[in-house]
């Protein structure tokens, strides 16, 4: 009976940890969906639940860190842009412009969320 009890306790512990991990991953995915929805105009920041604002702010910060990390990797490894054969140079320029626009939109959204958090306190 003692072995079965300890076995069940271990199973419950593993299941609880798995549940905690899945909830965290689900929350991160929800915040990414909300962040990109706000950026695309699908959602309005004004209609976001005030309890979700800090999590959204955190998701934006994580996305900015990831973009900056990738940008740093490209610049430190001196990855040259593609050769201008068949218009590849123009594609590279468009990608760089889109990344800059994405960063600007994320920063503006982050500042808006920060203002809303302060205003709602």
C-alpha atoms as a PDB file:
ATOM      1  CA  UNK A   1       0.000   0.000   0.000  1.00  0.00           C
ATOM      2  CA  UNK A   2       2.891   2.370   0.775  1.00  0.00           C
ATOM      3  CA  UNK A   3       4.412   1.789  -2.662  1.00  0.00           C
ATOM      4  CA  UNK A   4       1.135   2.510  -4.379  1.00  0.00           C
ATOM      5  CA  UNK A   5       0.640   5.676  -2.339  1.00  0.00           C
ATOM      6  CA  UNK A   6       4.110   7.017  -3.185  1.00  0.00           C
ATOM      7  CA  UNK A   7       3.592   6.052  -6.828  1.00  0.00           C
ATOM      8  CA  UNK A   8       0.318   7.974  -6.931  1.00  0.00           C
ATOM      9  CA  UNK A   9       1.917  10.972  -5.235  1.00  0.00           C
ATOM     10  CA  UNK A  10       4.663  11.004  -7.874  1.00  0.00           C
ATOM     11  CA  UNK A  11       2.094  10.783 -10.672  1.00  0.00           C
ATOM     12  CA  UNK A  12       0.064  13.630  -9.161  1.00  0.00           C
ATOM     13  CA  UNK A  13       3.221  15.722  -8.808  1.00  0.00           C
ATOM     14  CA  UNK A  14       4.209  15.121 -12.442  1.00  0.00           C
ATOM     15  CA  UNK A  15       0.695  15.855 -13.670  1.00  0.00           C
ATOM     16  CA  UNK A  16       0.556  19.067 -11.619  1.00  0.00           C
ATOM     17  CA  UNK A  17       3.884  20.232 -13.043  1.00  0.00           C
ATOM     18  CA  UNK A  18       2.738  19.365 -16.559  1.00  0.00           C
ATOM     19  CA  UNK A  19      -0.482  21.335 -15.999  1.00  0.00           C
ATOM     20  CA  UNK A  20       1.499  24.336 -14.734  1.00  0.00           C
ATOM     21  CA  UNK A  21       3.747  24.216 -17.806  1.00  0.00           C
ATOM     22  CA  UNK A  22       0.804  23.943 -20.210  1.00  0.00           C
ATOM     23  CA  UNK A  23      -0.984  26.866 -18.533  1.00  0.00           C
ATOM     24  CA  UNK A  24       2.139  29.027 -18.862  1.00  0.00           C
ATOM     25  CA  UNK A  25       2.577  28.093 -22.535  1.00  0.00           C
ATOM     26  CA  UNK A  26      -1.124  28.729 -23.191  1.00  0.00           C
ATOM     27  CA  UNK A  27      -0.904  32.163 -21.547  1.00  0.00           C
ATOM     28  CA  UNK A  28       2.153  33.029 -23.669  1.00  0.00           C
ATOM     29  CA  UNK A  29       0.337  31.997 -26.847  1.00  0.00           C
ATOM     30  CA  UNK A  30      -2.743  34.017 -25.862  1.00  0.00           C
ATOM     31  CA  UNK A  31      -0.609  37.098 -25.259  1.00  0.00           C
ATOM     32  CA  UNK A  32       1.201  36.677 -28.601  1.00  0.00           C
ATOM     33  CA  UNK A  33      -2.155  36.361 -30.354  1.00  0.00           C
ATOM     34  CA  UNK A  34      -3.391  39.476 -28.559  1.00  0.00           C
ATOM     35  CA  UNK A  35      -0.182  41.381 -29.345  1.00  0.00           C
ATOM     36  CA  UNK A  36      -0.258  40.580 -33.061  1.00  0.00           C
ATOM     37  CA  UNK A  37      -4.020  41.147 -33.119  1.00  0.00           C
ATOM     38  CA  UNK A  38      -3.508  44.646 -31.703  1.00  0.00           C
ATOM     39  CA  UNK A  39      -0.770  45.321 -34.237  1.00  0.00           C
ATOM     40  CA  UNK A  40      -2.928  44.213 -37.163  1.00  0.00           C
ATOM     41  CA  UNK A  41      -6.010  46.082 -35.958  1.00  0.00           C
ATOM     42  CA  UNK A  42      -7.956  42.903 -35.221  1.00  0.00           C
ATOM     43  CA  UNK A  43      -8.200  43.900 -31.544  1.00  0.00           C
ATOM     44  CA  UNK A  44      -8.409  47.310 -29.943  1.00  0.00           C
ATOM     45  CA  UNK A  45      -6.102  48.044 -27.025  1.00  0.00           C
ATOM     46  CA  UNK A  46      -8.913  50.005 -25.411  1.00  0.00           C
ATOM     47  CA  UNK A  47     -11.023  46.852 -25.058  1.00  0.00           C
ATOM     48  CA  UNK A  48      -8.356  44.676 -23.447  1.00  0.00           C
ATOM     49  CA  UNK A  49      -9.050  43.488 -19.928  1.00  0.00           C
ATOM     50  CA  UNK A  50      -6.927  45.543 -17.528  1.00  0.00           C
ATOM     51  CA  UNK A  51      -5.719  42.365 -15.827  1.00  0.00           C
ATOM     52  CA  UNK A  52      -4.193  41.210 -19.135  1.00  0.00           C
ATOM     53  CA  UNK A  53      -2.216  44.417 -19.707  1.00  0.00           C
ATOM     54  CA  UNK A  54       0.855  43.483 -17.619  1.00  0.00           C
ATOM     55  CA  UNK A  55       1.069  40.103 -19.367  1.00  0.00           C
ATOM     56  CA  UNK A  56       0.696  41.789 -22.745  1.00  0.00           C
ATOM     57  CA  UNK A  57       3.437  44.244 -21.802  1.00  0.00           C
ATOM     58  CA  UNK A  58       5.692  41.316 -20.896  1.00  0.00           C
ATOM     59  CA  UNK A  59       4.920  39.555 -24.199  1.00  0.00           C
ATOM     60  CA  UNK A  60       5.839  42.701 -26.124  1.00  0.00           C
ATOM     61  CA  UNK A  61       9.115  42.994 -24.220  1.00  0.00           C
ATOM     62  CA  UNK A  62       9.919  39.354 -24.980  1.00  0.00           C
ATOM     63  CA  UNK A  63       9.178  39.854 -28.676  1.00  0.00           C
ATOM     64  CA  UNK A  64      11.397  42.946 -28.800  1.00  0.00           C
ATOM     65  CA  UNK A  65      14.209  41.058 -27.067  1.00  0.00           C
ATOM     66  CA  UNK A  66      13.886  38.227 -29.576  1.00  0.00           C
ATOM     67  CA  UNK A  67      13.964  40.613 -32.529  1.00  0.00           C
ATOM     68  CA  UNK A  68      17.000  42.410 -31.124  1.00  0.00           C
ATOM     69  CA  UNK A  69      18.722  39.086 -30.412  1.00  0.00           C
ATOM     70  CA  UNK A  70      18.195  37.933 -33.993  1.00  0.00           C
ATOM     71  CA  UNK A  71      19.317  41.277 -35.340  1.00  0.00           C
ATOM     72  CA  UNK A  72      22.457  41.074 -33.177  1.00  0.00           C
ATOM     73  CA  UNK A  73      23.234  37.588 -34.457  1.00  0.00           C
ATOM     74  CA  UNK A  74      22.978  38.785 -38.030  1.00  0.00           C
ATOM     75  CA  UNK A  75      25.203  41.810 -37.454  1.00  0.00           C
ATOM     76  CA  UNK A  76      27.872  40.043 -35.355  1.00  0.00           C
ATOM     77  CA  UNK A  77      28.147  37.168 -37.797  1.00  0.00           C
ATOM     78  CA  UNK A  78      28.462  39.690 -40.615  1.00  0.00           C
ATOM     79  CA  UNK A  79      25.821  37.956 -42.651  1.00  0.00           C
ATOM     80  CA  UNK A  80      25.864  39.841 -45.927  1.00  0.00           C
ATOM     81  CA  UNK A  81      22.637  40.619 -47.708  1.00  0.00           C
ATOM     82  CA  UNK A  82      21.835  38.367 -50.626  1.00  0.00           C
ATOM     83  CA  UNK A  83      23.493  39.188 -53.908  1.00  0.00           C
ATOM     84  CA  UNK A  84      21.566  41.520 -56.176  1.00  0.00           C
ATOM     85  CA  UNK A  85      20.909  38.716 -58.644  1.00  0.00           C
ATOM     86  CA  UNK A  86      17.280  38.519 -59.708  1.00  0.00           C
ATOM     87  CA  UNK A  87      16.188  41.299 -57.366  1.00  0.00           C
ATOM     88  CA  UNK A  88      17.295  39.578 -54.171  1.00  0.00           C
ATOM     89  CA  UNK A  89      18.811  42.859 -52.923  1.00  0.00           C
ATOM     90  CA  UNK A  90      15.422  44.550 -53.111  1.00  0.00           C
ATOM     91  CA  UNK A  91      13.893  41.710 -51.110  1.00  0.00           C
ATOM     92  CA  UNK A  92      16.584  42.111 -48.449  1.00  0.00           C
ATOM     93  CA  UNK A  93      15.833  45.841 -48.192  1.00  0.00           C
ATOM     94  CA  UNK A  94      12.112  45.161 -47.834  1.00  0.00           C
ATOM     95  CA  UNK A  95      12.767  42.626 -45.078  1.00  0.00           C
ATOM     96  CA  UNK A  96      14.943  45.107 -43.192  1.00  0.00           C
ATOM     97  CA  UNK A  97      12.290  47.818 -43.529  1.00  0.00           C
ATOM     98  CA  UNK A  98       9.581  45.448 -42.316  1.00  0.00           C
ATOM     99  CA  UNK A  99      11.649  44.493 -39.287  1.00  0.00           C
ATOM    100  CA  UNK A 100      12.155  48.167 -38.446  1.00  0.00           C
ATOM    101  CA  UNK A 101       8.441  48.841 -38.812  1.00  0.00           C
ATOM    102  CA  UNK A 102       7.636  45.820 -36.648  1.00  0.00           C
ATOM    103  CA  UNK A 103       9.997  47.053 -33.936  1.00  0.00           C
ATOM    104  CA  UNK A 104       8.504  50.549 -34.072  1.00  0.00           C
ATOM    105  CA  UNK A 105       4.964  49.213 -33.821  1.00  0.00           C
ATOM    106  CA  UNK A 106       5.921  46.958 -30.917  1.00  0.00           C
ATOM    107  CA  UNK A 107       7.621  49.838 -29.081  1.00  0.00           C
ATOM    108  CA  UNK A 108       4.582  52.070 -29.589  1.00  0.00           C
ATOM    109  CA  UNK A 109       2.263  49.303 -28.420  1.00  0.00           C
ATOM    110  CA  UNK A 110       4.490  48.713 -25.400  1.00  0.00           C
ATOM    111  CA  UNK A 111       4.403  52.409 -24.504  1.00  0.00           C
ATOM    112  CA  UNK A 112       0.628  52.468 -24.894  1.00  0.00           C
ATOM    113  CA  UNK A 113       0.257  49.437 -22.619  1.00  0.00           C
ATOM    114  CA  UNK A 114       2.566  51.062 -20.045  1.00  0.00           C
ATOM    115  CA  UNK A 115       0.459  54.227 -20.075  1.00  0.00           C
ATOM    116  CA  UNK A 116      -2.738  52.224 -19.697  1.00  0.00           C
ATOM    117  CA  UNK A 117      -1.269  50.264 -16.773  1.00  0.00           C
ATOM    118  CA  UNK A 118      -0.315  53.493 -15.006  1.00  0.00           C
ATOM    119  CA  UNK A 119      -3.663  55.101 -15.772  1.00  0.00           C
ATOM    120  CA  UNK A 120      -5.645  52.118 -14.443  1.00  0.00           C
ATOM    121  CA  UNK A 121      -3.847  52.035 -11.084  1.00  0.00           C
END
